[in-house]
Amino acid sequence: MFLTGEISIFIIILSVLAGYFLGVFSGLVPGIHTNNFALVLVALSPLMGEYGIQPFYIAVIILSNSIAHTFHDVIPAVFLGAPDSDMALAVLPGHRLLLDGFGAEAIRLSALGSAGSVVFSMVIVLPLAAIFSVAYPVLQEHIAWILVFIVFLMVATEKGEYIIGQGSLVHYKYKAYAVVLFLLSGILGLFAFEMESLMNPVINFGAPSILLPLLSGLFGASQLVISLLTHSTIPPQTFTKMTLSGKRIVRGIVTGSAAGSIVAWLPGISSAIAAVLARLVIRTDFDTEGEDEVDSGVVDAGSKEFIVSVSGVNTSNAIFGLVALSVIGKTRSGAMVAINDVLGVANGVTASVITLDTSMLLLFFGVILLTAFLSYFSTIMIGNNVHRVLSRIDYSKLCIGVIIGLALMVVLFTGFFGLLIFIIATPIGMLAPFLKVRKSNAMGVILLPVILYFI
C-alpha cells in the first residue's frame, strides 16, 4: 500500500542499523529524544526520496530508533540520575542499586524487561487489538475518570515509612503527604503547560518540550542534590548474576507490558503514567513493612522488579503505539506521528491519519524484533563498562557536573523559562524522600493537567 517499488532486505537491514545507532545515541545522551530525530527525518524525507530512498525505509529508521531508545535510556537514568520522561520513575531504585554497587545489575534487569516486553507484546498483540478496536470509544469517553481512579489508588495504597510502635492511624498522615506532593507537582505542571509558549530555546532541535525541565528537576536533579547532601559515593561495582527470582522477572515483564500496551491506546496518556500503574502492582522497599525478601542488603526485590516493569512499559508502549496506528488510526507518540506523515505523504493520503495494512505491520514487527535483539546486547555491554569511566571521577563532582549539565541542557532546549521550571521542580522532587512517600506521587505533574483537560 505504501511501497513504490520492490522491498530490499539489505536496505531494510541498513535502515534498522541506522535507526538503532540513532536510538543508542538518543538513549545515552540526556535531553535528546526519539522525537527529535523523527522530526528531522520527516523534514529530510523529500530530499532522501530524490536519492531513491523509499518512505518505507525512512519509517523503518524512525521505528528502529524509538525501540532502541527504550533499551538504552536507562543507562543515564541509573548512572547519572538524568532521566527522560519515560524512565523518570526508574531513577530512584536504579540509582540506589548503583550506590549499593549493583549498577550493572540494574542495567541488565532493564534490558531483560525491555526484551521480555517485546516477546510478550507479540503474544498479546492480536487479542488486545481485537479488544481495543471495540472498547476504544468507551475508554475515550471516560479517560478522565479512569485517571482519577488511578490517582485514588496511588493515594489509598500509600503507607509511608514503617516504624515499630507507631499508631494504627499514622498511615493517614502519609496519605495526606502524598496528596500534598501530588497537588504541588500538579500545580507546577498546570503552570508550566499553560505558560509553555514562553519557552525560547537557544537551539531549535525539534519541538521543545516542557517535560524536559519538569521531569529533569522532579526526578533527576532532586535525587542528585540528595546524594550530595548525604555525601553519597559510587562504590566499586559488583558483577554477579541477577538474584531476582524468575517469578518476579516474569511478573515484572507481564505487568509492565500490560500497562504499556493499555495506555498506548488512550489519548494524552504517556508511558510515564503506565509506569504509575505498574508501580501500584509492584511493591518496593519504599512502601513495604519489612516483610519483602531482600536482595543485595539494601535494595529489595520489589525495586528490582519495578526496574524490569518500567522498562517493559516503555518498550511495550512504543510497540502498541504502532498497533494503535494500524487498528484505530490514531497516533500516540512523536515517532508514530512521523511514521504517519512519511507514509501518508508517500501514498498521497490527504487525511490526517493513515492506517497500515497487514503486510506492512508484519514487516514492522520484524524490524522491532531485530532492533530489540541488537539493543539487548549493546545495553548490557555499555552498562557493564560505563562504571570504568565513572570510577575515575569524584562522585560529588560528577553530581554537580550533571546538575549543571541538566540546567544547561534545559536552557539550550527550552530557554530561561524552562530553567525557572527546572529550579522550582527540583525542591518539589526532593520532598518525597523527606516526607517518606513514593516519588511516583510527583507524577501529578502530568496526571493533574491531563485529568483537567479531559473533564
Protein backbone atom coordinates (compact mmCIF):
# COMPACT_ATOMS: atom_id res chain seq x y z
CA MET A 1 0.00 0.00 0.00
CA PHE A 2 2.76 2.43 0.94
CA LEU A 3 5.52 0.94 -1.20
CA THR A 4 6.56 2.39 -4.55
CA GLY A 5 8.98 -0.38 -5.55
CA GLU A 6 10.44 -3.73 -4.61
CA ILE A 7 11.49 -4.19 -1.00
CA SER A 8 15.18 -4.87 -0.46
CA ILE A 9 16.02 -6.90 2.65
CA PHE A 10 19.54 -5.45 2.52
CA ILE A 11 18.24 -1.87 2.63
CA ILE A 12 15.79 -2.78 5.41
CA ILE A 13 18.71 -4.09 7.49
CA LEU A 14 20.73 -0.93 6.76
CA SER A 15 17.71 1.16 7.80
CA VAL A 16 17.36 -0.84 11.03
CA LEU A 17 21.05 -0.30 11.79
CA ALA A 18 20.73 3.42 11.11
CA GLY A 19 17.74 3.72 13.44
CA TYR A 20 19.43 1.50 16.02
CA PHE A 21 22.53 3.70 16.22
CA LEU A 22 20.36 6.82 16.43
CA GLY A 23 18.48 5.13 19.29
CA VAL A 24 21.71 4.32 21.11
CA PHE A 25 22.76 7.96 20.80
CA SER A 26 19.41 9.42 21.87
CA GLY A 27 19.15 6.92 24.74
CA LEU A 28 22.59 7.70 26.13
CA VAL A 29 22.54 11.49 25.73
CA PRO A 30 20.17 13.20 28.21
CA GLY A 31 17.82 15.66 26.55
CA ILE A 32 17.89 14.02 23.12
CA HIS A 33 14.69 12.14 22.36
CA THR A 34 13.48 9.98 19.50
CA ASN A 35 11.06 12.74 18.56
CA ASN A 36 13.99 14.98 17.68
CA PHE A 37 15.35 12.55 15.12
CA ALA A 38 11.85 11.69 13.89
CA LEU A 39 11.14 15.33 13.05
CA VAL A 40 14.47 15.71 11.26
CA LEU A 41 13.86 12.54 9.23
CA VAL A 42 10.39 13.74 8.22
CA ALA A 43 11.87 17.04 7.09
CA LEU A 44 14.59 15.25 5.10
CA SER A 45 12.28 12.66 3.53
CA PRO A 46 11.70 14.61 0.27
CA LEU A 47 15.46 15.01 -0.18
CA MET A 48 16.06 11.35 0.64
CA GLY A 49 13.35 10.41 -1.85
CA GLU A 50 15.30 12.16 -4.60
CA TYR A 51 18.11 9.70 -3.97
CA GLY A 52 15.77 6.72 -4.29
CA ILE A 53 15.22 6.07 -0.56
CA GLN A 54 11.61 4.97 -0.20
CA PRO A 55 9.49 6.47 2.60
CA PHE A 56 9.07 2.93 3.98
CA TYR A 57 12.78 2.78 4.76
CA ILE A 58 12.60 6.16 6.49
CA ALA A 59 9.71 4.82 8.60
CA VAL A 60 11.87 1.80 9.47
CA ILE A 61 14.64 4.13 10.70
CA ILE A 62 12.16 6.05 12.86
CA LEU A 63 10.67 2.87 14.34
CA SER A 64 14.06 1.26 15.00
CA ASN A 65 15.23 4.48 16.65
CA SER A 66 12.23 4.54 19.00
CA ILE A 67 12.69 0.88 20.06
CA ALA A 68 16.47 1.16 20.60
CA HIS A 69 15.93 4.30 22.67
CA THR A 70 13.67 2.43 25.12
CA PHE A 71 16.51 -0.01 25.83
CA HIS A 72 19.38 2.44 26.30
CA ASP A 73 17.74 5.37 28.12
CA VAL A 74 18.05 3.50 31.43
CA ILE A 75 21.83 3.99 31.43
CA PRO A 76 21.91 7.78 32.06
CA ALA A 77 18.92 7.36 34.41
CA VAL A 78 20.84 4.92 36.62
CA PHE A 79 24.42 6.17 36.34
CA LEU A 80 23.76 9.90 36.05
CA GLY A 81 20.31 10.35 37.59
CA ALA A 82 19.32 12.09 34.36
CA PRO A 83 16.05 10.54 33.16
CA ASP A 84 13.89 11.25 30.16
CA SER A 85 10.12 11.31 30.57
CA ASP A 86 9.79 7.55 30.15
CA MET A 87 12.38 6.49 32.74
CA ALA A 88 11.66 9.07 35.43
CA LEU A 89 10.26 6.61 37.97
CA ALA A 90 13.18 4.20 37.48
CA VAL A 91 15.73 6.72 38.73
CA LEU A 92 15.39 6.10 42.46
CA PRO A 93 15.57 2.27 42.60
CA GLY A 94 18.15 2.21 39.78
CA HIS A 95 20.29 4.87 41.39
CA ARG A 96 20.14 3.09 44.74
CA LEU A 97 21.31 -0.13 43.11
CA LEU A 98 24.23 1.86 41.70
CA LEU A 99 25.11 3.25 45.14
CA ASP A 100 24.90 -0.26 46.56
CA GLY A 101 27.40 -1.50 43.97
CA PHE A 102 24.91 -3.14 41.61
CA GLY A 103 24.53 -0.57 38.83
CA ALA A 104 25.33 -3.13 36.14
CA GLU A 105 22.62 -5.40 37.52
CA ALA A 106 20.10 -2.57 37.22
CA ILE A 107 21.01 -2.21 33.54
CA ARG A 108 20.73 -5.96 32.94
CA LEU A 109 17.33 -6.03 34.63
CA SER A 110 16.16 -3.15 32.46
CA ALA A 111 17.45 -4.80 29.27
CA LEU A 112 15.69 -8.00 30.25
CA GLY A 113 12.48 -6.10 30.92
CA SER A 114 12.57 -4.44 27.51
CA ALA A 115 13.47 -7.63 25.64
CA GLY A 116 10.85 -9.64 27.52
CA SER A 117 8.28 -6.97 26.73
CA VAL A 118 8.96 -7.33 23.01
CA VAL A 119 8.28 -11.07 23.19
CA PHE A 120 5.21 -10.75 25.43
CA SER A 121 3.80 -7.90 23.32
CA MET A 122 3.97 -10.08 20.21
CA VAL A 123 1.97 -12.73 22.08
CA ILE A 124 -0.83 -10.40 23.21
CA VAL A 125 -0.94 -8.09 20.20
CA LEU A 126 -3.80 -9.84 18.36
CA PRO A 127 -6.22 -10.25 21.30
CA LEU A 128 -5.57 -6.71 22.57
CA ALA A 129 -6.02 -5.26 19.08
CA ALA A 130 -9.38 -7.02 18.84
CA ILE A 131 -10.47 -5.86 22.29
CA PHE A 132 -9.46 -2.23 21.92
CA SER A 133 -10.89 -1.87 18.44
CA VAL A 134 -14.26 -2.33 20.16
CA ALA A 135 -13.59 -0.81 23.61
CA TYR A 136 -11.68 2.29 22.48
CA PRO A 137 -14.70 4.64 22.08
CA VAL A 138 -15.92 3.82 25.60
CA LEU A 139 -12.47 4.33 27.15
CA GLN A 140 -12.02 7.61 25.31
CA GLU A 141 -15.24 8.98 26.80
CA HIS A 142 -14.23 8.10 30.37
CA ILE A 143 -10.48 8.74 30.31
CA ALA A 144 -10.63 11.49 32.93
CA TRP A 145 -12.39 9.26 35.47
CA ILE A 146 -10.03 6.40 34.72
CA LEU A 147 -7.14 8.68 35.66
CA VAL A 148 -8.97 9.91 38.77
CA PHE A 149 -9.30 6.28 39.84
CA ILE A 150 -5.56 5.76 39.28
CA VAL A 151 -4.78 8.77 41.48
CA PHE A 152 -7.14 7.43 44.15
CA LEU A 153 -5.28 4.10 44.12
CA MET A 154 -1.94 5.89 44.38
CA VAL A 155 -3.02 7.74 47.50
CA ALA A 156 -5.02 4.89 49.04
CA THR A 157 -2.08 2.47 48.83
CA GLU A 158 0.41 4.93 50.34
CA LYS A 159 1.71 3.60 53.67
CA GLY A 160 4.81 5.70 54.20
CA GLU A 161 7.64 4.72 56.49
CA TYR A 162 7.09 1.84 58.88
CA ILE A 163 8.25 2.45 62.45
CA ILE A 164 7.79 -0.15 65.17
CA GLY A 165 5.34 1.05 67.78
CA GLN A 166 3.69 3.73 65.65
CA GLY A 167 -0.06 4.22 65.92
CA SER A 168 -2.52 2.43 63.66
CA LEU A 169 -3.72 5.71 62.13
CA VAL A 170 -0.31 7.10 61.21
CA HIS A 171 -0.61 5.89 57.61
CA TYR A 172 -3.27 8.57 57.06
CA LYS A 173 -0.56 11.14 57.64
CA TYR A 174 1.44 9.69 54.77
CA LYS A 175 -1.65 9.62 52.56
CA ALA A 176 -2.03 13.34 53.26
CA TYR A 177 1.62 13.90 52.39
CA ALA A 178 1.06 12.01 49.13
CA VAL A 179 -1.86 14.31 48.28
CA VAL A 180 0.31 17.35 49.04
CA LEU A 181 3.10 16.11 46.78
CA PHE A 182 0.61 15.23 44.04
CA LEU A 183 -1.03 18.66 44.19
CA LEU A 184 2.24 20.60 44.35
CA SER A 185 3.65 18.81 41.34
CA GLY A 186 0.28 19.01 39.58
CA ILE A 187 0.00 22.77 40.09
CA LEU A 188 3.54 23.16 38.79
CA GLY A 189 2.55 21.08 35.75
CA LEU A 190 -0.55 23.20 35.14
CA PHE A 191 1.51 26.38 35.31
CA ALA A 192 4.24 25.00 33.07
CA PHE A 193 1.88 23.70 30.37
CA GLU A 194 -0.20 26.88 30.48
CA MET A 195 2.88 29.06 30.00
CA GLU A 196 4.65 26.70 27.60
CA SER A 197 4.66 29.37 24.92
CA LEU A 198 7.26 31.29 26.97
CA MET A 199 9.88 28.70 26.09
CA ASN A 200 12.55 30.26 23.91
CA PRO A 201 15.15 27.57 23.20
CA VAL A 202 18.65 28.58 22.26
CA ILE A 203 18.87 25.55 19.95
CA ASN A 204 15.82 24.66 17.86
CA PHE A 205 16.22 20.90 17.51
CA GLY A 206 12.70 19.62 17.02
CA ALA A 207 9.72 20.82 19.04
CA PRO A 208 10.75 21.87 22.59
CA SER A 209 9.02 20.01 25.41
CA ILE A 210 8.27 21.47 28.82
CA LEU A 211 8.54 17.92 30.17
CA LEU A 212 12.33 18.21 29.91
CA PRO A 213 12.74 20.75 32.76
CA LEU A 214 9.79 19.34 34.71
CA LEU A 215 10.97 15.74 34.88
CA SER A 216 14.68 16.55 34.96
CA GLY A 217 14.02 18.59 38.09
CA LEU A 218 11.46 16.35 39.79
CA PHE A 219 13.23 13.05 39.21
CA GLY A 220 16.79 13.82 38.13
CA ALA A 221 18.33 16.84 39.82
CA SER A 222 16.35 16.27 43.02
CA GLN A 223 17.94 12.85 43.53
CA LEU A 224 21.40 14.18 42.71
CA VAL A 225 21.05 17.00 45.25
CA ILE A 226 20.01 14.47 47.90
CA SER A 227 23.09 12.39 47.02
CA LEU A 228 25.22 15.50 47.55
CA LEU A 229 23.57 16.29 50.88
CA THR A 230 24.09 12.74 52.12
CA HIS A 231 27.68 12.61 50.77
CA SER A 232 26.98 9.52 48.67
CA THR A 233 29.77 7.93 46.69
CA ILE A 234 29.77 5.33 43.92
CA PRO A 235 31.29 2.21 45.46
CA PRO A 236 33.15 -0.42 43.43
CA GLN A 237 30.62 -2.16 41.24
CA THR A 238 29.99 -5.86 41.80
CA PHE A 239 29.33 -8.17 38.88
CA THR A 240 27.14 -11.09 39.88
CA LYS A 241 24.36 -12.93 38.17
CA MET A 242 20.92 -11.48 38.70
CA THR A 243 19.49 -12.52 42.05
CA LEU A 244 15.91 -11.62 41.20
CA SER A 245 13.73 -14.73 41.04
CA GLY A 246 12.31 -15.91 37.74
CA LYS A 247 8.79 -15.43 39.09
CA ARG A 248 9.41 -11.76 39.80
CA ILE A 249 11.09 -11.22 36.44
CA VAL A 250 8.13 -12.71 34.60
CA ARG A 251 5.67 -10.72 36.71
CA GLY A 252 7.60 -7.52 36.06
CA ILE A 253 7.60 -8.15 32.32
CA VAL A 254 3.90 -9.02 32.24
CA THR A 255 2.89 -6.09 34.46
CA GLY A 256 4.95 -3.54 32.55
CA SER A 257 3.96 -4.86 29.13
CA ALA A 258 0.28 -4.90 30.04
CA ALA A 259 0.36 -1.36 31.44
CA GLY A 260 2.33 -0.01 28.48
CA SER A 261 0.10 -1.74 25.95
CA ILE A 262 -3.10 -0.44 27.54
CA VAL A 263 -2.16 3.24 27.76
CA ALA A 264 -0.82 3.22 24.19
CA TRP A 265 -4.45 3.30 23.03
CA LEU A 266 -5.54 6.21 25.20
CA PRO A 267 -5.29 9.91 24.26
CA GLY A 268 -2.99 12.12 26.31
CA ILE A 269 -1.55 9.22 28.30
CA SER A 270 2.20 8.67 28.27
CA SER A 271 4.25 5.64 29.26
CA ALA A 272 5.16 7.57 32.43
CA ILE A 273 1.54 7.16 33.56
CA ALA A 274 1.67 3.49 32.61
CA ALA A 275 4.68 3.22 34.94
CA VAL A 276 2.50 4.62 37.71
CA LEU A 277 0.00 1.83 37.01
CA ALA A 278 2.76 -0.77 37.22
CA ARG A 279 4.00 0.88 40.40
CA LEU A 280 0.64 0.22 42.05
CA VAL A 281 1.03 -3.52 41.45
CA ILE A 282 4.69 -3.96 42.40
CA ARG A 283 5.68 -3.25 45.99
CA THR A 284 9.16 -1.91 46.63
CA ASP A 285 11.28 -1.10 49.63
CA PHE A 286 9.73 2.38 49.69
CA ASP A 287 6.32 1.11 50.76
CA THR A 288 6.82 -2.27 52.39
CA GLU A 289 6.73 -3.04 56.06
CA GLY A 290 9.78 -5.21 56.22
CA GLU A 291 8.26 -8.46 55.07
CA ASP A 292 9.56 -8.44 51.49
CA GLU A 293 12.53 -10.56 50.58
CA VAL A 294 15.69 -8.50 50.44
CA ASP A 295 18.41 -8.67 47.83
CA SER A 296 21.85 -7.09 48.00
CA GLY A 297 21.26 -5.84 51.52
CA VAL A 298 19.68 -2.51 50.64
CA VAL A 299 17.51 -2.52 47.55
CA ASP A 300 14.75 -5.12 47.79
CA ALA A 301 13.44 -7.50 45.18
CA GLY A 302 10.38 -5.32 44.59
CA SER A 303 12.56 -2.41 43.50
CA LYS A 304 14.45 -4.63 41.08
CA GLU A 305 11.19 -5.98 39.74
CA PHE A 306 9.98 -2.43 39.25
CA ILE A 307 13.01 -1.66 37.06
CA VAL A 308 12.08 -4.65 34.89
CA SER A 309 8.50 -3.43 34.78
CA VAL A 310 9.25 0.21 33.87
CA SER A 311 11.48 -0.88 31.01
CA GLY A 312 8.74 -3.21 29.82
CA VAL A 313 6.28 -0.31 29.96
CA ASN A 314 8.37 1.86 27.67
CA THR A 315 9.09 -0.77 25.05
CA SER A 316 5.53 -2.13 25.05
CA ASN A 317 4.15 1.39 24.74
CA ALA A 318 6.34 2.02 21.69
CA ILE A 319 5.19 -1.23 20.06
CA PHE A 320 1.50 -0.75 20.72
CA GLY A 321 1.67 2.82 19.52
CA LEU A 322 2.30 1.24 16.11
CA VAL A 323 -0.61 -1.17 16.59
CA ALA A 324 -2.93 1.67 17.60
CA LEU A 325 -1.98 3.49 14.40
CA SER A 326 -2.91 0.38 12.42
CA VAL A 327 -6.12 -0.60 14.25
CA ILE A 328 -7.80 2.67 15.25
CA GLY A 329 -5.86 5.09 13.04
CA LYS A 330 -4.59 7.18 15.98
CA THR A 331 -1.06 8.43 16.66
CA ARG A 332 0.10 8.26 20.29
CA SER A 333 3.73 9.39 20.09
CA GLY A 334 6.01 11.66 18.12
CA ALA A 335 7.54 8.65 16.37
CA MET A 336 4.12 7.43 15.22
CA VAL A 337 3.19 10.92 14.02
CA ALA A 338 6.40 10.95 11.98
CA ILE A 339 5.75 7.47 10.51
CA ASN A 340 2.21 8.52 9.69
CA ASP A 341 3.43 11.69 7.95
CA VAL A 342 6.12 9.92 5.94
CA LEU A 343 3.89 7.07 4.74
CA GLY A 344 0.83 9.26 4.26
CA VAL A 345 2.61 11.74 2.01
CA ALA A 346 4.16 8.88 0.06
CA ASN A 347 0.75 7.40 -0.68
CA GLY A 348 -0.89 10.74 -1.43
CA VAL A 349 -3.15 10.45 1.59
CA THR A 350 -4.71 13.77 2.50
CA ALA A 351 -6.44 12.56 5.66
CA SER A 352 -4.81 13.37 8.97
CA VAL A 353 -4.08 9.73 9.82
CA ILE A 354 -3.36 6.70 7.65
CA THR A 355 -3.83 3.04 8.56
CA LEU A 356 -1.32 0.25 8.00
CA ASP A 357 -2.17 -2.96 6.16
CA THR A 358 -1.25 -6.41 7.50
CA SER A 359 1.85 -6.92 5.34
CA MET A 360 3.26 -3.55 6.37
CA LEU A 361 2.59 -4.29 10.04
CA LEU A 362 4.33 -7.68 9.82
CA LEU A 363 7.40 -6.05 8.27
CA PHE A 364 7.47 -3.52 11.08
CA PHE A 365 7.22 -6.32 13.66
CA GLY A 366 10.30 -7.89 12.08
CA VAL A 367 12.09 -4.54 12.41
CA ILE A 368 11.14 -4.41 16.09
CA LEU A 369 12.48 -7.90 16.76
CA LEU A 370 15.81 -7.23 15.03
CA THR A 371 16.26 -3.89 16.80
CA ALA A 372 15.42 -5.45 20.16
CA PHE A 373 17.97 -8.22 19.59
CA LEU A 374 20.75 -5.73 18.88
CA SER A 375 19.70 -3.38 21.68
CA TYR A 376 19.58 -6.05 24.35
CA PHE A 377 23.25 -6.94 23.97
CA SER A 378 24.54 -3.39 23.48
CA THR A 379 22.64 -2.14 26.55
CA ILE A 380 24.23 -4.82 28.72
CA MET A 381 27.68 -4.24 27.22
CA ILE A 382 27.55 -0.49 27.83
CA GLY A 383 26.08 -0.98 31.32
CA ASN A 384 28.88 -3.39 32.24
CA ASN A 385 31.61 -0.94 31.25
CA VAL A 386 30.36 2.61 31.84
CA HIS A 387 31.39 2.42 35.52
CA ARG A 388 35.04 2.19 34.45
CA VAL A 389 34.82 5.77 33.23
CA LEU A 390 32.81 6.97 36.23
CA SER A 391 35.18 5.30 38.72
CA ARG A 392 37.86 7.81 37.75
CA ILE A 393 35.61 10.73 38.66
CA ASP A 394 34.78 12.05 42.13
CA TYR A 395 31.08 11.29 42.62
CA SER A 396 30.27 14.61 44.29
CA LYS A 397 31.88 16.46 41.41
CA LEU A 398 30.04 14.19 38.99
CA CYS A 399 26.70 15.03 40.65
CA ILE A 400 27.46 18.74 40.48
CA GLY A 401 28.56 18.38 36.87
CA VAL A 402 25.42 16.50 35.89
CA ILE A 403 23.18 19.04 37.64
CA ILE A 404 24.94 21.85 35.79
CA GLY A 405 24.70 19.83 32.59
CA LEU A 406 20.96 19.30 33.09
CA ALA A 407 20.48 23.03 33.74
CA LEU A 408 22.49 23.90 30.64
CA MET A 409 20.55 21.40 28.57
CA VAL A 410 17.28 22.87 29.83
CA VAL A 411 18.38 26.36 28.82
CA LEU A 412 19.53 25.19 25.39
CA PHE A 413 16.34 23.27 24.57
CA THR A 414 13.67 25.23 26.49
CA GLY A 415 15.19 28.63 27.28
CA PHE A 416 15.27 30.51 30.57
CA PHE A 417 11.61 29.85 31.28
CA GLY A 418 12.48 26.16 31.22
CA LEU A 419 15.32 26.87 33.66
CA LEU A 420 12.84 28.53 36.03
CA ILE A 421 10.61 25.45 35.89
CA PHE A 422 13.64 23.22 36.47
CA ILE A 423 14.66 25.24 39.56
CA ILE A 424 11.14 25.07 41.02
CA ALA A 425 10.73 21.35 40.22
CA THR A 426 13.93 20.26 41.95
CA PRO A 427 12.95 21.01 45.59
CA ILE A 428 9.45 19.61 44.96
CA GLY A 429 11.06 16.36 43.82
CA MET A 430 13.15 16.33 47.00
CA LEU A 431 10.01 16.30 49.15
CA ALA A 432 9.22 12.61 48.55
CA PRO A 433 12.16 11.09 50.49
CA PHE A 434 11.85 13.67 53.26
CA LEU A 435 8.10 13.01 53.61
CA LYS A 436 8.74 9.23 53.32
CA VAL A 437 6.24 8.79 50.49
CA ARG A 438 6.55 7.40 46.98
CA LYS A 439 8.14 9.62 44.42
CA SER A 440 5.58 8.41 41.89
CA ASN A 441 3.14 10.82 43.55
CA ALA A 442 5.09 13.58 41.81
CA MET A 443 3.65 12.25 38.53
CA GLY A 444 0.81 14.61 39.38
CA VAL A 445 2.84 16.96 37.19
CA ILE A 446 1.35 15.08 34.21
CA LEU A 447 -1.74 13.43 35.70
CA LEU A 448 -3.46 16.56 37.06
CA PRO A 449 -3.19 18.58 33.81
CA VAL A 450 -4.38 15.61 31.74
CA ILE A 451 -7.36 14.97 34.09
CA LEU A 452 -8.45 18.59 33.98
CA TYR A 453 -8.04 18.66 30.19
CA PHE A 454 -10.42 15.73 29.68
CA ILE A 455 -13.02 16.71 32.30
